[in-house]
Amino acid sequence: MQAPAGEADEAYSSIEALGPRVPLHAPEFAADPHAAYRAMRSHYGSLVPVELSPGVPATLVINFHTAVAILNDPMRFPADPRPWQATIPPDLAFLPMVEWRPNALRSDGAVHARYRTATSEALADLNLHDVRAAVERIAGPLISEFCNTGSADLISQYILPLVFSMINHVLGCPPEIGQRVAAASAAMFEGVDTATVNTMLNEALLELAQLKRETPGGDVTTRLVQHPAELTDVEMIHQLVTHYSAGVEIPQNLIASTLLLMLTDSRFVANSAGFQPPTGSAIDEVLASDPPLANYCLSYPRQPILVDKVWLPANQPVVISLAACNNDPAMNNGDYARNGWNLAWSAGPHACPMQARAASVLIVQEAIDQLLDALPEMRLAVSPQELVWRPGPFHRALTTLPVVFPPSPPLRYS
């Protein structure tokens, strides 16, 4: 990715020279990002000048092979944002999602290895049978709260409370602390100032970490505080921030988008023989075609660097478009069940740990199956074109998912 020896710099373009920056924060982008990705690919090539927020420039990578090379090159594309962060306004609405924290996601080298090992080993003992059973226990009462009404907004009434309850279960978080974390997370996505969000999160998560030091349990938080890495309370807060942000936002969006696909695509309706494609096939398709975290995996080159004959500036974010790369025409053959290559979980040293992937997919599948088993005649209450997607540079997230169905009596559950 470096310039060939002896070749003049003038042979290459700067990212700024490629054309106007595409505003990833705009509602128009959120409404139809795939049209935007196609236009980007036609006009810009593999690298796109974008804005994450008004006046906040970045480079978006939309070529699969280029993205994989960057994700596997932490020496030249480090994840630590502090040099960039020192140059931007401290009140950016999206800053809590990208700012430096002492955790694996925002670290490199030996520091990254320490955090990553602690996290991976804490997750490795996650009991997936327990996860499945917990989803069943949580789903039934939630469905019973609205099943006799004939209509619901699945995100606010089912998906979000289920996912938050599940991450609290996995982390061993009591309901009172979990409610405070939920309030802080909601404030983050509503654009409440960074200082307030961080204070809310830090206080709740510090209390959780201290609780598990005093009263251990069979949960991820306990395994983190007891890990040989000897994480401090401050470090524990920021490991838990990662668990909550990834463990809520990704499954929530994946459940909603998968349900939308299953409720609107005739391929997922039972045929005349009674066969219906399994939920797992729909999940695989969404992960490959419309992943819940669409643009992320930020890195910050420490010096100007040449990528695909384009100079990228030092200390400016390089963002991987997981969605655009997954839909790279050179890669996507539509075989979602066996593609194996998609970047929904990222790649390289900062990729999502395998046990976290397995737990996320299991939660998503069980949540969908429990819902559709209880309300098999559910259908979308509005046309797909009327649905609103949350603006923002990183996520692919519906604001609501309204459905209707024949009213049914509350479920019987133990």
Protein backbone atom coordinates (compact mmCIF):
# COMPACT_ATOMS: atom_id res chain seq x y z
CA MET A 1 0.00 0.00 0.00
CA GLN A 2 3.03 2.28 0.00
CA ALA A 3 4.17 4.27 -3.04
CA PRO A 4 6.70 2.40 -5.25
CA ALA A 5 10.28 3.51 -4.71
CA GLY A 6 11.28 6.42 -6.91
CA GLU A 7 7.77 7.17 -8.16
CA ALA A 8 6.60 10.74 -7.76
CA ASP A 9 3.93 11.55 -5.20
CA GLU A 10 2.14 13.55 -7.91
CA ALA A 11 1.10 10.27 -9.53
CA TYR A 12 -1.33 9.74 -6.71
CA SER A 13 -4.40 11.59 -5.42
CA SER A 14 -5.20 12.77 -1.94
CA ILE A 15 -8.50 11.59 -0.47
CA GLU A 16 -9.71 15.21 -0.50
CA ALA A 17 -9.13 15.43 -4.26
CA LEU A 18 -11.44 12.54 -5.11
CA GLY A 19 -14.62 14.59 -4.79
CA PRO A 20 -17.11 16.01 -2.31
CA ARG A 21 -17.44 14.30 1.06
CA VAL A 22 -20.49 12.06 1.55
CA PRO A 23 -22.35 12.89 4.80
CA LEU A 24 -22.85 9.57 6.60
CA HIS A 25 -24.77 11.43 9.32
CA ALA A 26 -27.55 12.57 6.97
CA PRO A 27 -31.08 11.09 7.18
CA GLU A 28 -30.94 10.54 3.42
CA PHE A 29 -27.99 8.20 3.86
CA ALA A 30 -29.76 6.28 6.63
CA ALA A 31 -32.88 5.92 4.47
CA ASP A 32 -31.06 4.18 1.60
CA PRO A 33 -27.39 3.48 2.34
CA HIS A 34 -27.10 0.78 -0.30
CA ALA A 35 -27.92 3.24 -3.06
CA ALA A 36 -25.26 5.50 -1.55
CA TYR A 37 -22.71 2.66 -1.54
CA ARG A 38 -23.41 1.92 -5.21
CA ALA A 39 -22.97 5.59 -6.09
CA MET A 40 -19.75 5.72 -4.06
CA ARG A 41 -18.36 2.67 -5.85
CA SER A 42 -19.14 4.19 -9.24
CA HIS A 43 -17.77 7.65 -8.48
CA TYR A 44 -14.90 7.10 -6.04
CA GLY A 45 -13.61 3.54 -6.22
CA SER A 46 -12.40 1.71 -3.12
CA LEU A 47 -11.94 4.76 -0.84
CA VAL A 48 -14.52 7.47 -0.23
CA PRO A 49 -14.16 10.87 1.45
CA VAL A 50 -16.96 11.11 4.01
CA GLU A 51 -18.17 13.16 6.96
CA LEU A 52 -19.02 11.38 10.21
CA SER A 53 -20.62 14.58 11.49
CA PRO A 54 -20.66 18.09 10.00
CA GLY A 55 -17.03 19.15 9.67
CA VAL A 56 -15.61 15.80 10.87
CA PRO A 57 -13.84 14.16 7.89
CA ALA A 58 -12.95 10.50 7.48
CA THR A 59 -12.20 7.93 4.79
CA LEU A 60 -14.69 5.11 4.16
CA VAL A 61 -13.32 1.81 2.79
CA ILE A 62 -15.81 0.04 0.53
CA ASN A 63 -13.58 -2.56 -1.18
CA PHE A 64 -13.47 -5.96 0.51
CA HIS A 65 -9.81 -6.81 -0.13
CA THR A 66 -8.64 -3.32 0.85
CA ALA A 67 -10.64 -3.57 4.09
CA VAL A 68 -9.17 -6.96 4.97
CA ALA A 69 -5.63 -5.66 4.38
CA ILE A 70 -6.26 -2.67 6.67
CA LEU A 71 -7.94 -4.72 9.39
CA ASN A 72 -4.94 -7.05 9.48
CA ASP A 73 -2.36 -4.24 9.61
CA PRO A 74 -2.59 -2.67 13.10
CA MET A 75 0.98 -1.35 12.87
CA ARG A 76 0.09 1.11 10.11
CA PHE A 77 -3.61 1.38 11.01
CA PRO A 78 -3.70 1.58 14.83
CA ALA A 79 -6.98 1.63 16.73
CA ASP A 80 -5.98 4.20 19.37
CA PRO A 81 -7.89 7.42 18.54
CA ARG A 82 -6.19 9.81 20.97
CA PRO A 83 -4.15 11.88 18.45
CA TRP A 84 -7.29 12.44 16.38
CA GLN A 85 -9.51 12.92 19.41
CA ALA A 86 -7.35 15.83 20.57
CA THR A 87 -8.33 17.75 17.41
CA ILE A 88 -12.13 17.42 17.51
CA PRO A 89 -14.88 19.07 19.56
CA PRO A 90 -15.42 17.20 22.85
CA ASP A 91 -19.21 17.37 22.51
CA LEU A 92 -19.66 15.32 19.32
CA ALA A 93 -22.81 13.25 19.67
CA PHE A 94 -21.16 10.06 18.44
CA LEU A 95 -17.96 10.45 20.48
CA PRO A 96 -18.92 7.89 23.18
CA MET A 97 -18.97 5.24 20.43
CA VAL A 98 -15.43 5.97 19.20
CA GLU A 99 -13.47 7.78 21.91
CA TRP A 100 -10.40 6.25 23.53
CA ARG A 101 -11.02 3.85 26.36
CA PRO A 102 -8.63 1.44 28.10
CA ASN A 103 -10.10 -1.63 26.41
CA ALA A 104 -9.22 -3.99 23.57
CA LEU A 105 -11.22 -2.12 20.95
CA ARG A 106 -9.19 1.08 21.34
CA SER A 107 -5.73 -0.37 22.05
CA ASP A 108 -2.84 -1.94 20.16
CA GLY A 109 0.17 -4.15 20.83
CA ALA A 110 0.79 -5.61 24.28
CA VAL A 111 -1.94 -3.47 25.87
CA HIS A 112 -4.47 -4.79 23.36
CA ALA A 113 -3.30 -8.36 23.97
CA ARG A 114 -3.85 -8.01 27.72
CA TYR A 115 -7.39 -6.70 27.37
CA ARG A 116 -8.25 -9.06 24.53
CA THR A 117 -7.06 -12.12 26.45
CA ALA A 118 -9.09 -11.19 29.51
CA THR A 119 -12.21 -10.59 27.46
CA SER A 120 -11.88 -13.72 25.31
CA GLU A 121 -11.21 -15.98 28.28
CA ALA A 122 -14.12 -14.49 30.25
CA LEU A 123 -16.41 -15.17 27.30
CA ALA A 124 -15.02 -18.63 26.61
CA ASP A 125 -16.87 -20.13 29.58
CA LEU A 126 -20.20 -18.69 28.48
CA ASN A 127 -22.76 -21.51 28.61
CA LEU A 128 -24.79 -21.38 25.40
CA HIS A 129 -27.40 -23.77 26.79
CA ASP A 130 -27.96 -21.31 29.62
CA VAL A 131 -28.17 -18.47 27.07
CA ARG A 132 -30.87 -20.31 25.13
CA ALA A 133 -32.87 -21.06 28.26
CA ALA A 134 -32.60 -17.44 29.42
CA VAL A 135 -33.99 -16.15 26.11
CA GLU A 136 -36.97 -18.47 26.49
CA ARG A 137 -37.62 -17.27 30.06
CA ILE A 138 -37.41 -13.62 29.06
CA ALA A 139 -39.30 -13.82 25.75
CA GLY A 140 -42.52 -15.38 27.08
CA PRO A 141 -43.49 -12.63 29.57
CA LEU A 142 -42.59 -9.91 27.05
CA ILE A 143 -44.78 -11.45 24.34
CA SER A 144 -47.60 -11.92 26.84
CA GLU A 145 -47.65 -8.19 27.52
CA PHE A 146 -48.85 -7.38 24.00
CA CYS A 147 -50.10 -10.59 22.34
CA ASN A 148 -53.76 -9.88 23.22
CA THR A 149 -53.69 -6.39 21.66
CA GLY A 150 -53.23 -7.39 18.02
CA SER A 151 -50.43 -4.90 17.41
CA ALA A 152 -47.02 -3.92 18.76
CA ASP A 153 -43.85 -2.00 18.11
CA LEU A 154 -41.44 -4.89 18.30
CA ILE A 155 -38.36 -2.78 18.99
CA SER A 156 -39.60 -0.97 22.10
CA GLN A 157 -41.91 -3.72 23.38
CA TYR A 158 -39.90 -6.85 22.64
CA ILE A 159 -36.47 -6.59 21.03
CA LEU A 160 -34.79 -3.92 23.14
CA PRO A 161 -36.04 -5.15 26.54
CA LEU A 162 -35.15 -8.73 25.62
CA VAL A 163 -31.63 -7.86 24.49
CA PHE A 164 -30.95 -5.69 27.53
CA SER A 165 -32.23 -8.40 29.84
CA MET A 166 -29.96 -10.91 28.11
CA ILE A 167 -26.79 -8.84 28.40
CA ASN A 168 -27.63 -8.20 32.07
CA HIS A 169 -28.01 -11.96 32.51
CA VAL A 170 -24.71 -12.75 30.78
CA LEU A 171 -22.86 -10.10 32.81
CA GLY A 172 -24.61 -10.96 36.08
CA CYS A 173 -25.97 -7.42 36.38
CA PRO A 174 -28.83 -6.81 38.87
CA PRO A 175 -31.94 -5.12 37.44
CA GLU A 176 -31.41 -1.80 39.25
CA ILE A 177 -27.90 -1.34 37.85
CA GLY A 178 -29.05 -2.61 34.47
CA GLN A 179 -31.77 0.03 34.32
CA ARG A 180 -29.19 2.76 34.86
CA VAL A 181 -26.99 1.33 32.10
CA ALA A 182 -30.02 1.25 29.81
CA ALA A 183 -30.77 4.90 30.55
CA ALA A 184 -27.17 5.87 29.79
CA SER A 185 -27.19 3.88 26.54
CA ALA A 186 -30.42 5.55 25.44
CA ALA A 187 -28.90 8.94 26.23
CA MET A 188 -25.88 8.06 24.07
CA PHE A 189 -28.02 7.42 21.00
CA GLU A 190 -30.20 10.46 21.68
CA GLY A 191 -27.15 12.71 21.42
CA VAL A 192 -26.93 13.68 25.10
CA ASP A 193 -23.56 15.29 25.80
CA THR A 194 -20.58 12.97 26.18
CA ALA A 195 -19.73 13.99 29.75
CA THR A 196 -23.23 13.18 31.01
CA VAL A 197 -23.35 9.84 29.20
CA ASN A 198 -19.93 8.80 30.49
CA THR A 199 -20.79 9.79 34.06
CA MET A 200 -24.00 7.76 33.95
CA LEU A 201 -22.25 4.72 32.51
CA ASN A 202 -19.19 4.91 34.71
CA GLU A 203 -21.13 5.12 37.96
CA ALA A 204 -23.37 2.16 37.09
CA LEU A 205 -20.58 -0.05 35.76
CA LEU A 206 -18.22 0.73 38.62
CA GLU A 207 -20.94 -0.40 40.98
CA LEU A 208 -21.32 -3.63 38.99
CA ALA A 209 -17.57 -4.34 39.02
CA GLN A 210 -17.31 -3.70 42.76
CA LEU A 211 -20.35 -5.89 43.40
CA LYS A 212 -18.70 -8.81 41.59
CA ARG A 213 -15.45 -8.36 43.49
CA GLU A 214 -17.40 -8.64 46.73
CA THR A 215 -20.00 -11.20 45.62
CA PRO A 216 -18.69 -13.36 42.76
CA GLY A 217 -21.04 -15.28 40.50
CA GLY A 218 -20.94 -17.55 37.47
CA ASP A 219 -20.96 -14.66 34.99
CA VAL A 220 -18.71 -12.78 32.58
CA THR A 221 -18.16 -9.83 34.94
CA THR A 222 -16.95 -12.12 37.70
CA ARG A 223 -14.56 -13.89 35.34
CA LEU A 224 -13.21 -10.51 34.23
CA VAL A 225 -12.56 -9.20 37.74
CA GLN A 226 -10.93 -12.52 38.71
CA HIS A 227 -8.79 -12.78 35.56
CA PRO A 228 -4.99 -12.93 35.99
CA ALA A 229 -4.76 -9.66 34.02
CA GLU A 230 -5.84 -8.02 37.30
CA LEU A 231 -7.98 -5.33 35.71
CA THR A 232 -8.46 -2.21 37.80
CA ASP A 233 -11.90 -0.77 38.50
CA VAL A 234 -11.35 1.84 35.78
CA GLU A 235 -10.33 -0.85 33.30
CA MET A 236 -13.32 -2.96 34.30
CA ILE A 237 -15.67 -0.07 33.53
CA HIS A 238 -14.35 0.16 30.00
CA GLN A 239 -14.40 -3.58 29.33
CA LEU A 240 -18.05 -3.55 30.41
CA VAL A 241 -18.81 -0.55 28.17
CA THR A 242 -17.68 -2.68 25.22
CA HIS A 243 -19.83 -5.62 26.33
CA TYR A 244 -22.91 -3.46 26.71
CA SER A 245 -22.49 -1.44 23.53
CA ALA A 246 -21.79 -4.46 21.31
CA GLY A 247 -24.08 -6.79 23.25
CA VAL A 248 -27.11 -4.53 22.87
CA GLU A 249 -26.76 -2.56 19.65
CA ILE A 250 -25.70 -5.44 17.41
CA PRO A 251 -28.28 -8.08 18.45
CA GLN A 252 -31.05 -5.46 18.61
CA ASN A 253 -30.43 -4.32 15.05
CA LEU A 254 -29.87 -7.86 13.79
CA ILE A 255 -33.17 -9.10 15.25
CA ALA A 256 -35.09 -6.17 13.77
CA SER A 257 -33.54 -6.42 10.30
CA THR A 258 -33.94 -10.20 10.20
CA LEU A 259 -37.59 -9.96 11.20
CA LEU A 260 -38.12 -7.31 8.56
CA LEU A 261 -36.66 -9.64 5.94
CA MET A 262 -38.75 -12.60 7.11
CA LEU A 263 -41.97 -10.55 7.21
CA THR A 264 -41.54 -9.01 3.76
CA ASP A 265 -39.71 -11.56 1.59
CA SER A 266 -41.78 -14.34 0.07
CA ARG A 267 -38.82 -16.72 0.32
CA PHE A 268 -39.37 -16.91 4.08
CA VAL A 269 -43.05 -17.89 3.90
CA ALA A 270 -43.94 -21.58 4.15
CA ASN A 271 -44.48 -23.12 0.71
CA SER A 272 -47.23 -25.56 -0.32
CA ALA A 273 -45.29 -28.43 1.24
CA GLY A 274 -45.16 -26.61 4.57
CA PHE A 275 -41.43 -25.94 4.31
CA GLN A 276 -40.16 -22.63 5.59
CA PRO A 277 -36.48 -21.62 5.40
CA PRO A 278 -34.94 -21.64 8.87
CA THR A 279 -34.38 -18.44 10.79
CA GLY A 280 -30.64 -19.06 10.59
CA SER A 281 -30.71 -18.58 6.83
CA ALA A 282 -32.32 -15.16 7.23
CA ILE A 283 -29.77 -14.18 9.88
CA ASP A 284 -26.90 -15.22 7.60
CA GLU A 285 -28.37 -13.17 4.78
CA VAL A 286 -28.76 -10.03 6.89
CA LEU A 287 -25.23 -10.37 8.30
CA ALA A 288 -23.89 -10.54 4.75
CA SER A 289 -26.15 -8.06 2.98
CA ASP A 290 -27.19 -5.52 5.64
CA PRO A 291 -25.11 -5.98 8.81
CA PRO A 292 -26.28 -4.32 12.05
CA LEU A 293 -23.06 -2.36 12.46
CA ALA A 294 -22.67 -1.01 8.95
CA ASN A 295 -19.62 1.26 9.18
CA TYR A 296 -17.11 0.88 11.99
CA CYS A 297 -13.69 -0.61 12.87
CA LEU A 298 -12.00 2.78 12.96
CA SER A 299 -8.24 3.20 12.68
CA TYR A 300 -5.97 6.24 12.63
CA PRO A 301 -2.75 6.19 10.53
CA ARG A 302 0.04 7.98 12.35
CA GLN A 303 1.53 9.37 9.13
CA PRO A 304 0.24 9.99 5.59
CA ILE A 305 -0.21 6.60 3.99
CA LEU A 306 -0.87 5.41 0.45
CA VAL A 307 -3.77 3.03 -0.08
CA ASP A 308 -4.98 2.03 -3.55
CA LYS A 309 -3.11 4.99 -5.10
CA VAL A 310 -4.78 7.45 -2.72
CA TRP A 311 -2.97 9.36 0.03
CA LEU A 312 -4.75 9.26 3.37
CA PRO A 313 -3.83 11.96 5.92
CA ALA A 314 -2.30 11.24 9.29
CA ASN A 315 -4.54 10.99 12.36
CA GLN A 316 -7.81 11.05 10.44
CA PRO A 317 -10.29 8.16 10.86
CA VAL A 318 -10.28 5.31 8.37
CA VAL A 319 -13.67 3.62 8.66
CA ILE A 320 -14.45 0.17 7.28
CA SER A 321 -17.87 -0.08 5.62
CA LEU A 322 -18.76 -3.61 6.62
CA ALA A 323 -21.99 -3.27 4.64
CA ALA A 324 -20.41 -1.97 1.44
CA CYS A 325 -17.54 -4.47 1.60
CA ASN A 326 -19.98 -7.35 2.10
CA ASN A 327 -21.79 -6.18 -1.03
CA ASP A 328 -18.61 -5.71 -3.07
CA PRO A 329 -19.57 -7.10 -6.50
CA ALA A 330 -16.21 -8.86 -6.63
CA MET A 331 -17.19 -10.94 -3.60
CA ASN A 332 -20.93 -11.24 -3.08
CA ASN A 333 -22.40 -14.12 -5.07
CA GLY A 334 -25.63 -14.23 -3.06
CA ASP A 335 -24.71 -17.53 -1.38
CA TYR A 336 -25.29 -16.15 2.11
CA ALA A 337 -25.52 -19.51 3.85
CA ARG A 338 -21.97 -20.50 2.96
CA ASN A 339 -20.17 -17.25 2.18
CA GLY A 340 -17.88 -17.48 5.21
CA TRP A 341 -16.01 -14.37 4.12
CA ASN A 342 -18.36 -11.57 5.14
CA LEU A 343 -17.08 -8.84 7.45
CA ALA A 344 -20.13 -8.45 9.71
CA TRP A 345 -17.95 -9.44 12.69
CA SER A 346 -14.88 -7.59 11.35
CA ALA A 347 -11.50 -9.31 10.81
CA GLY A 348 -7.97 -9.23 12.14
CA PRO A 349 -6.85 -8.73 15.76
CA HIS A 350 -9.87 -6.58 16.68
CA ALA A 351 -12.52 -8.92 15.27
CA CYS A 352 -15.43 -9.91 17.48
CA PRO A 353 -14.46 -12.90 19.70
CA MET A 354 -15.89 -16.20 18.47
CA GLN A 355 -17.92 -16.95 21.62
CA ALA A 356 -19.48 -13.48 21.49
CA ARG A 357 -20.53 -14.15 17.88
CA ALA A 358 -22.02 -17.52 18.82
CA ALA A 359 -23.95 -16.04 21.76
CA SER A 360 -25.22 -13.09 19.69
CA VAL A 361 -26.52 -15.29 16.88
CA LEU A 362 -28.12 -17.67 19.38
CA ILE A 363 -29.90 -14.80 21.15
CA VAL A 364 -31.12 -13.41 17.82
CA GLN A 365 -32.36 -16.77 16.55
CA GLU A 366 -34.10 -17.74 19.77
CA ALA A 367 -35.73 -14.31 20.10
CA ILE A 368 -37.14 -14.54 16.58
CA ASP A 369 -38.26 -18.16 16.88
CA GLN A 370 -40.00 -17.56 20.22
CA LEU A 371 -41.87 -14.58 18.74
CA LEU A 372 -42.95 -16.25 15.50
CA ASP A 373 -43.91 -19.48 17.26
CA ALA A 374 -46.22 -17.47 19.53
CA LEU A 375 -47.60 -15.19 16.79
CA PRO A 376 -47.19 -17.05 13.47
CA GLU A 377 -49.60 -14.79 11.55
CA MET A 378 -47.68 -11.62 12.33
CA ARG A 379 -47.22 -9.16 9.50
CA LEU A 380 -45.76 -5.71 9.04
CA ALA A 381 -48.24 -2.94 9.93
CA VAL A 382 -46.92 -0.49 7.33
CA SER A 383 -45.20 -0.76 3.99
CA PRO A 384 -41.42 -1.27 4.21
CA GLN A 385 -40.96 2.14 2.56
CA GLU A 386 -42.67 3.82 5.53
CA LEU A 387 -40.19 2.48 8.07
CA VAL A 388 -37.65 4.98 9.41
CA TRP A 389 -33.98 4.14 9.92
CA ARG A 390 -32.01 5.88 12.68
CA PRO A 391 -29.57 8.44 11.27
CA GLY A 392 -25.94 7.96 12.25
CA PRO A 393 -22.65 7.08 10.59
CA PHE A 394 -22.18 3.64 12.13
CA HIS A 395 -25.33 1.59 12.72
CA ARG A 396 -28.04 0.13 10.49
CA ALA A 397 -30.98 0.46 12.84
CA LEU A 398 -34.74 0.84 12.57
CA THR A 399 -36.44 3.34 14.85
CA THR A 400 -39.60 1.22 15.11
CA LEU A 401 -40.91 -2.08 13.74
CA PRO A 402 -44.73 -1.95 13.90
CA VAL A 403 -46.59 -5.23 13.37
CA VAL A 404 -50.13 -6.56 13.53
CA PHE A 405 -51.42 -10.05 14.24
CA PRO A 406 -54.60 -11.83 15.40
CA PRO A 407 -54.93 -11.22 19.15
CA SER A 408 -54.14 -14.25 21.25
CA PRO A 409 -54.29 -15.01 24.99
CA PRO A 410 -51.15 -14.55 27.10
CA LEU A 411 -48.64 -17.33 26.89
CA ARG A 412 -48.23 -19.97 29.54
CA TYR A 413 -44.68 -20.01 30.75
CA SER A 414 -42.85 -21.32 33.76
